[in-house]
């Protein structure tokens, strides 16, 4: 099977990791994999290091006429059916145009993974695009429900939900039972991610709890980071927050962390950080603003709180900080959930099944 990944983002994120992990699995399974990006080192380098040297196109969207023409020439050179896997609708539109220009249009199938939780557009051009796509994959049922909430014109048989998974999850590690209690945040530093809610929640914790520290692993602009630094100082807890910046391999942080927090305000289509927390045995504590309740069950394998509510987050953290036995029980349950419900082998089988269905005669 021939698979061509189209990636238009200029920053590394969950969608790019998804595409890289899938490319590795496909290549290991004997399939032919190509990657086209927008010539961005942050995206190109991880693919090149894995053996997928990317080709480059502008992938600029509706006014970019060069990319469809050049992509059609690439498609003409591929023997046999090819699945063009897109990770947003902008690149899907480019793929649709390229297929129309190709001499082998019948051999080209277009699959889109929707990594966002947003309502579908309902314009005539959007309906035409949805009709031209051969399969539309959502990373959670929440993302699917959000998309169809506007009743778009889309064939229900083309719609699939394949929950995310980690190809190389962190190992389950034994956590210390004593203080300090290590709390971890993995992700972008951006107002929608709710780090201010987490800092405010730490300031609201009862004073008689064991000592706890927060580690923040992620990058953001000075405009986004500086207000958080001030918030920590004003709350008198800045000495308990360690700002690590970008961490390419967070395995050491996950091994030492007791609790992993996803405090996002914005609706998450999935939230890969939760799986990293869970596989490593950290207790996941997450807001309810998106697909997270599909992953974490409050009181069973983690804690779920109302998005944007620092007092609710403090209430969720308090028993976990106070009770090592509770942390141990929920951490083990979280690891079991991650292994049983979000296994990469199952994910890969589901994705390749969709590929094969699109190219079946």
Protein backbone atom coordinates (compact mmCIF):
# COMPACT_ATOMS: atom_id res chain seq x y z
CA UNK A 1 0.00 0.00 0.00
CA UNK A 2 1.19 3.51 -0.84
CA UNK A 3 0.51 6.22 1.76
CA UNK A 4 1.39 9.89 1.36
CA UNK A 5 1.20 12.10 4.47
CA UNK A 6 0.42 15.81 3.86
CA UNK A 7 1.41 18.04 6.78
CA UNK A 8 0.94 21.81 6.59
CA UNK A 9 1.63 22.94 10.18
CA UNK A 10 4.83 24.82 10.90
CA UNK A 11 5.08 23.75 14.54
CA UNK A 12 5.40 20.32 16.09
CA UNK A 13 2.29 19.12 17.89
CA UNK A 14 -0.02 16.20 18.46
CA UNK A 15 -1.07 15.92 14.81
CA UNK A 16 2.54 15.79 13.64
CA UNK A 17 3.39 13.15 16.23
CA UNK A 18 0.33 11.17 15.09
CA UNK A 19 1.55 11.29 11.48
CA UNK A 20 5.12 10.33 12.37
CA UNK A 21 4.10 7.39 14.57
CA UNK A 22 1.73 6.17 11.87
CA UNK A 23 4.40 6.54 9.18
CA UNK A 24 6.82 4.46 11.24
CA UNK A 25 4.23 1.73 11.82
CA UNK A 26 3.28 1.62 8.15
CA UNK A 27 6.90 1.39 7.01
CA UNK A 28 7.64 -1.35 9.55
CA UNK A 29 4.64 -3.22 8.14
CA UNK A 30 6.10 -3.11 4.64
CA UNK A 31 4.10 -0.24 3.17
CA UNK A 32 5.50 2.61 1.07
CA UNK A 33 5.30 5.94 2.90
CA UNK A 34 5.99 9.46 1.65
CA UNK A 35 5.80 12.75 3.55
CA UNK A 36 5.21 16.26 2.20
CA UNK A 37 5.56 19.31 4.47
CA UNK A 38 5.93 23.08 4.14
CA UNK A 39 9.72 23.02 4.61
CA UNK A 40 9.88 23.72 8.33
CA UNK A 41 12.78 22.39 10.40
CA UNK A 42 10.63 21.79 13.49
CA UNK A 43 8.50 19.38 11.47
CA UNK A 44 11.02 18.07 8.95
CA UNK A 45 13.75 17.04 11.38
CA UNK A 46 11.80 14.40 13.36
CA UNK A 47 10.58 12.83 10.10
CA UNK A 48 14.05 12.88 8.55
CA UNK A 49 15.55 11.34 11.70
CA UNK A 50 13.05 8.48 11.36
CA UNK A 51 14.05 7.92 7.73
CA UNK A 52 11.27 9.89 6.02
CA UNK A 53 12.97 12.74 4.19
CA UNK A 54 10.10 15.11 3.41
CA UNK A 55 9.26 16.62 0.08
CA UNK A 56 8.13 20.23 0.16
CA UNK A 57 5.19 22.19 -1.17
CA UNK A 58 3.69 25.53 -0.06
CA UNK A 59 0.40 23.85 1.02
CA UNK A 60 -1.00 27.33 1.31
CA UNK A 61 -4.70 26.65 0.96
CA UNK A 62 -7.36 27.85 -1.42
CA UNK A 63 -5.24 30.45 -3.27
CA UNK A 64 -2.26 28.13 -3.68
CA UNK A 65 -2.48 26.77 -7.23
CA UNK A 66 1.09 25.52 -7.38
CA UNK A 67 0.73 22.80 -4.73
CA UNK A 68 -2.15 20.87 -6.38
CA UNK A 69 -0.32 20.93 -9.73
CA UNK A 70 2.94 19.65 -8.26
CA UNK A 71 1.17 17.10 -6.06
CA UNK A 72 -0.68 15.75 -9.11
CA UNK A 73 2.70 15.09 -10.73
CA UNK A 74 3.82 13.21 -7.64
CA UNK A 75 0.64 11.11 -7.75
CA UNK A 76 1.21 10.32 -11.42
CA UNK A 77 4.55 8.74 -10.55
CA UNK A 78 3.18 6.33 -7.93
CA UNK A 79 2.34 2.84 -9.14
CA UNK A 80 -0.92 1.40 -7.83
CA UNK A 81 -3.47 2.88 -5.43
CA UNK A 82 -2.31 5.64 -3.10
CA UNK A 83 -3.90 6.94 0.10
CA UNK A 84 -3.25 10.64 0.67
CA UNK A 85 -3.62 11.14 4.43
CA UNK A 86 -4.34 14.76 5.34
CA UNK A 87 -4.45 16.25 8.83
CA UNK A 88 -6.63 19.27 8.21
CA UNK A 89 -9.17 20.37 5.63
CA UNK A 90 -6.76 22.85 4.02
CA UNK A 91 -4.44 20.07 2.85
CA UNK A 92 -7.46 17.92 1.98
CA UNK A 93 -8.60 20.58 -0.47
CA UNK A 94 -5.14 20.57 -2.03
CA UNK A 95 -5.31 16.76 -2.32
CA UNK A 96 -8.74 16.90 -3.96
CA UNK A 97 -7.53 19.38 -6.58
CA UNK A 98 -4.40 17.31 -7.20
CA UNK A 99 -6.48 14.19 -7.73
CA UNK A 100 -8.61 15.97 -10.31
CA UNK A 101 -5.48 17.05 -12.15
CA UNK A 102 -3.89 13.62 -11.96
CA UNK A 103 -3.97 11.14 -14.83
CA UNK A 104 -4.69 8.41 -12.26
CA UNK A 105 -7.54 9.98 -10.32
CA UNK A 106 -9.31 6.66 -9.76
CA UNK A 107 -6.30 5.30 -7.88
CA UNK A 108 -6.08 8.22 -5.45
CA UNK A 109 -8.02 8.09 -2.17
CA UNK A 110 -8.13 10.91 0.36
CA UNK A 111 -8.33 10.28 4.10
CA UNK A 112 -8.54 13.11 6.64
CA UNK A 113 -7.90 12.90 10.37
CA UNK A 114 -9.64 15.68 12.27
CA UNK A 115 -7.41 16.62 15.23
CA UNK A 116 -9.62 19.52 16.37
CA UNK A 117 -13.02 19.74 18.03
CA UNK A 118 -14.86 22.32 15.95
CA UNK A 119 -18.27 22.45 14.23
CA UNK A 120 -18.32 21.68 10.53
CA UNK A 121 -18.62 24.43 7.97
CA UNK A 122 -21.90 24.33 6.07
CA UNK A 123 -21.07 26.30 2.92
CA UNK A 124 -21.46 24.82 -0.55
CA UNK A 125 -17.67 24.62 -0.96
CA UNK A 126 -17.36 22.77 2.36
CA UNK A 127 -20.06 20.31 1.34
CA UNK A 128 -18.22 19.72 -1.94
CA UNK A 129 -14.98 19.07 -0.05
CA UNK A 130 -16.63 16.67 2.43
CA UNK A 131 -18.17 14.80 -0.49
CA UNK A 132 -14.79 14.40 -2.19
CA UNK A 133 -13.09 12.95 0.89
CA UNK A 134 -13.08 9.14 1.02
CA UNK A 135 -12.80 8.78 4.80
CA UNK A 136 -13.00 11.21 7.71
CA UNK A 137 -11.43 10.08 10.99
CA UNK A 138 -12.06 11.74 14.35
CA UNK A 139 -9.74 11.16 17.31
CA UNK A 140 -12.64 11.09 19.76
CA UNK A 141 -16.40 10.83 19.73
CA UNK A 142 -16.54 14.33 21.22
CA UNK A 143 -14.73 15.66 18.14
CA UNK A 144 -17.19 13.79 15.90
CA UNK A 145 -20.24 15.10 17.77
CA UNK A 146 -18.92 18.65 17.67
CA UNK A 147 -18.30 18.40 13.93
CA UNK A 148 -21.78 17.10 13.08
CA UNK A 149 -23.52 19.54 15.46
CA UNK A 150 -24.04 21.89 12.48
CA UNK A 151 -25.59 19.08 10.39
CA UNK A 152 -23.04 19.19 7.57
CA UNK A 153 -23.60 17.44 4.27
CA UNK A 154 -21.35 14.43 4.79
CA UNK A 155 -21.85 10.72 4.12
CA UNK A 156 -22.15 8.98 7.50
CA UNK A 157 -20.46 5.88 6.09
CA UNK A 158 -17.29 7.89 5.58
CA UNK A 159 -17.15 8.99 9.21
CA UNK A 160 -15.02 7.02 11.69
CA UNK A 161 -13.90 7.44 15.29
CA UNK A 162 -10.44 6.05 16.06
CA UNK A 163 -9.21 7.20 19.49
CA UNK A 164 -5.62 8.34 19.70
CA UNK A 165 -2.87 6.12 21.07
CA UNK A 166 0.87 6.34 21.75
CA UNK A 167 3.19 4.21 19.63
CA UNK A 168 5.97 4.41 22.24
CA UNK A 169 4.30 5.09 25.58
CA UNK A 170 6.37 5.86 28.67
CA UNK A 171 6.86 2.89 31.02
CA UNK A 172 4.87 2.44 34.19
CA UNK A 173 7.11 3.55 37.07
CA UNK A 174 6.90 3.15 40.83
CA UNK A 175 6.16 6.47 42.51
CA UNK A 176 7.59 7.54 45.83
CA UNK A 177 5.11 7.71 48.70
CA UNK A 178 6.64 10.68 50.52
CA UNK A 179 6.81 14.42 49.99
CA UNK A 180 7.33 16.45 47.98
CA UNK A 181 4.44 15.49 45.72
CA UNK A 182 5.43 16.16 42.13
CA UNK A 183 2.77 17.63 39.82
CA UNK A 184 3.48 17.76 36.08
CA UNK A 185 2.10 19.81 33.21
CA UNK A 186 3.04 18.79 29.64
CA UNK A 187 1.93 20.96 26.75
CA UNK A 188 1.93 24.35 25.10
CA UNK A 189 1.91 27.45 27.25
CA UNK A 190 -1.10 29.30 25.94
CA UNK A 191 -4.07 30.99 27.66
CA UNK A 192 -6.48 28.36 26.34
CA UNK A 193 -4.46 25.63 28.10
CA UNK A 194 -5.44 26.92 31.54
CA UNK A 195 -2.08 27.05 33.30
CA UNK A 196 -3.26 30.10 35.22
CA UNK A 197 -6.08 27.94 36.62
CA UNK A 198 -3.53 25.38 37.80
CA UNK A 199 -1.31 28.01 39.45
CA UNK A 200 -4.35 29.57 41.12
CA UNK A 201 -5.45 26.13 42.33
CA UNK A 202 -2.04 25.46 43.91
CA UNK A 203 -2.36 28.74 45.79
CA UNK A 204 -5.76 27.62 47.11
CA UNK A 205 -4.57 24.28 48.52
CA UNK A 206 -4.98 23.80 52.28
CA UNK A 207 -1.79 24.79 54.12
CA UNK A 208 -1.55 21.53 56.07
CA UNK A 209 -1.01 19.36 52.98
CA UNK A 210 2.36 17.72 52.24
CA UNK A 211 4.73 19.85 50.22
CA UNK A 212 4.11 19.78 46.47
CA UNK A 213 5.99 21.04 43.42
CA UNK A 214 4.79 21.85 39.90
CA UNK A 215 6.95 21.19 36.82
CA UNK A 216 5.91 22.86 33.57
CA UNK A 217 7.34 21.30 30.40
CA UNK A 218 6.34 23.29 27.35
CA UNK A 219 6.99 26.44 25.38
CA UNK A 220 5.07 29.63 24.79
CA UNK A 221 5.60 33.23 23.82
CA UNK A 222 6.86 35.79 26.34
CA UNK A 223 3.41 37.40 26.15
CA UNK A 224 1.87 34.17 27.45
CA UNK A 225 4.58 33.10 29.91
CA UNK A 226 5.25 36.38 31.73
CA UNK A 227 1.71 36.76 33.20
CA UNK A 228 2.01 33.22 34.60
CA UNK A 229 5.35 34.03 36.24
CA UNK A 230 3.79 37.11 37.82
CA UNK A 231 0.80 35.09 38.97
CA UNK A 232 3.07 32.61 40.71
CA UNK A 233 5.01 35.38 42.45
CA UNK A 234 1.85 37.17 43.55
CA UNK A 235 0.49 33.91 44.98
CA UNK A 236 3.77 33.29 46.81
CA UNK A 237 4.33 29.91 45.18
CA UNK A 238 6.89 30.79 42.49
CA UNK A 239 9.60 28.83 44.34
CA UNK A 240 7.48 25.69 43.95
CA UNK A 241 7.19 25.98 40.15
CA UNK A 242 9.94 24.72 37.84
CA UNK A 243 9.69 26.06 34.26
CA UNK A 244 11.54 23.54 32.10
CA UNK A 245 10.75 24.91 28.65
CA UNK A 246 10.58 22.46 25.75
CA UNK A 247 11.49 18.89 26.75
CA UNK A 248 11.94 16.53 23.80
CA UNK A 249 11.84 13.43 25.98
CA UNK A 250 9.67 13.85 29.09
CA UNK A 251 10.18 10.25 30.30
CA UNK A 252 12.30 11.29 33.31
CA UNK A 253 9.69 13.88 34.34
CA UNK A 254 6.90 11.32 33.98
CA UNK A 255 8.85 8.77 36.02
CA UNK A 256 9.14 11.11 39.01
CA UNK A 257 5.71 12.76 38.77
CA UNK A 258 2.82 11.66 41.00
CA UNK A 259 0.06 13.70 39.34
CA UNK A 260 -0.32 14.95 35.76
CA UNK A 261 -2.67 17.86 35.09
CA UNK A 262 -4.44 18.95 31.90
CA UNK A 263 -6.24 22.15 32.95
CA UNK A 264 -7.30 23.31 29.48
CA UNK A 265 -10.17 25.72 29.01
CA UNK A 266 -10.53 25.10 25.28
CA UNK A 267 -12.30 21.93 24.15
CA UNK A 268 -9.72 19.22 23.50
CA UNK A 269 -10.31 16.81 20.63
CA UNK A 270 -8.36 14.27 22.67
CA UNK A 271 -5.40 15.29 24.85
CA UNK A 272 -2.34 13.08 24.26
CA UNK A 273 -0.70 14.32 27.47
CA UNK A 274 -3.32 12.38 29.39
CA UNK A 275 -2.11 9.11 27.85
CA UNK A 276 1.49 9.96 28.76
CA UNK A 277 0.45 10.58 32.35
CA UNK A 278 -1.62 7.42 32.50
CA UNK A 279 0.90 5.02 30.96
CA UNK A 280 3.54 6.19 33.44
CA UNK A 281 1.27 5.70 36.46
CA UNK A 282 0.69 9.40 37.16
CA UNK A 283 -2.81 10.19 38.33
CA UNK A 284 -4.42 12.23 35.51
CA UNK A 285 -6.35 15.29 36.62
CA UNK A 286 -8.18 16.97 33.77
CA UNK A 287 -10.77 19.60 33.00
CA UNK A 288 -13.99 18.48 31.36
CA UNK A 289 -13.73 20.80 28.35
CA UNK A 290 -13.74 18.30 25.53
CA UNK A 291 -13.02 14.61 25.03
CA UNK A 292 -11.18 14.14 28.32
CA UNK A 293 -14.13 12.46 30.11
CA UNK A 294 -13.99 9.81 27.36
CA UNK A 295 -10.47 9.00 28.55
CA UNK A 296 -10.51 9.59 32.31
CA UNK A 297 -13.30 8.45 34.63
CA UNK A 298 -13.54 10.61 37.74
CA UNK A 299 -12.71 8.66 40.89
CA UNK A 300 -11.87 5.48 38.94
CA UNK A 301 -8.63 6.21 37.10
CA UNK A 302 -8.18 9.92 37.72
CA UNK A 303 -10.06 13.11 38.49
CA UNK A 304 -12.17 15.41 36.32
CA UNK A 305 -13.02 19.00 37.28
CA UNK A 306 -15.02 21.85 35.78
CA UNK A 307 -12.93 23.76 33.23
CA UNK A 308 -11.73 27.17 34.38
CA UNK A 309 -12.63 26.55 38.04
CA UNK A 310 -9.49 26.84 40.17
CA UNK A 311 -11.36 25.99 43.37
CA UNK A 312 -12.67 22.79 41.78
CA UNK A 313 -9.16 21.88 40.64
CA UNK A 314 -7.83 22.52 44.16
CA UNK A 315 -10.56 20.25 45.53
CA UNK A 316 -9.56 17.53 43.04
CA UNK A 317 -5.87 17.81 43.92
CA UNK A 318 -6.25 17.94 47.71
CA UNK A 319 -7.07 14.24 48.39
CA UNK A 320 -4.46 13.11 45.86
CA UNK A 321 -1.74 15.14 47.55
CA UNK A 322 -2.83 14.01 51.01
CA UNK A 323 -3.29 10.28 50.39
CA UNK A 324 -0.46 8.19 48.89
CA UNK A 325 -2.64 5.05 48.83
CA UNK A 326 -5.26 6.85 46.75
CA UNK A 327 -2.58 8.09 44.35
CA UNK A 328 -1.19 4.56 44.03
CA UNK A 329 -4.60 3.02 43.35
CA UNK A 330 -5.70 5.60 40.78
CA UNK A 331 -2.28 5.63 39.10
CA UNK A 332 -2.35 1.87 38.56
CA UNK A 333 -5.94 2.06 37.31
CA UNK A 334 -4.94 4.84 34.89
CA UNK A 335 -2.11 2.73 33.50
CA UNK A 336 -4.48 -0.20 33.01
CA UNK A 337 -6.99 2.03 31.20
CA UNK A 338 -4.29 3.34 28.89
CA UNK A 339 -3.04 -0.15 28.05
CA UNK A 340 -6.45 -1.72 27.53
CA UNK A 341 -8.43 1.05 25.82
CA UNK A 342 -5.77 3.03 23.98
CA UNK A 343 -3.45 0.39 22.59
CA UNK A 344 -1.44 1.39 19.52
CA UNK A 345 -1.80 -2.01 17.88
CA UNK A 346 -5.57 -1.59 17.91
CA UNK A 347 -5.24 1.99 16.64
CA UNK A 348 -3.02 0.89 13.75
CA UNK A 349 -5.37 -1.96 12.78
CA UNK A 350 -8.31 0.42 12.69
CA UNK A 351 -6.49 3.03 10.58
CA UNK A 352 -5.21 0.50 8.03
CA UNK A 353 -8.66 -1.09 7.86
CA UNK A 354 -10.03 2.31 6.83
CA UNK A 355 -7.25 2.70 4.27
CA UNK A 356 -8.01 -0.68 2.73
CA UNK A 357 -11.76 0.02 2.63
CA UNK A 358 -11.15 3.19 0.61
CA UNK A 359 -9.01 1.43 -2.01
CA UNK A 360 -11.13 -1.73 -2.21
CA UNK A 361 -12.68 -2.18 -5.67
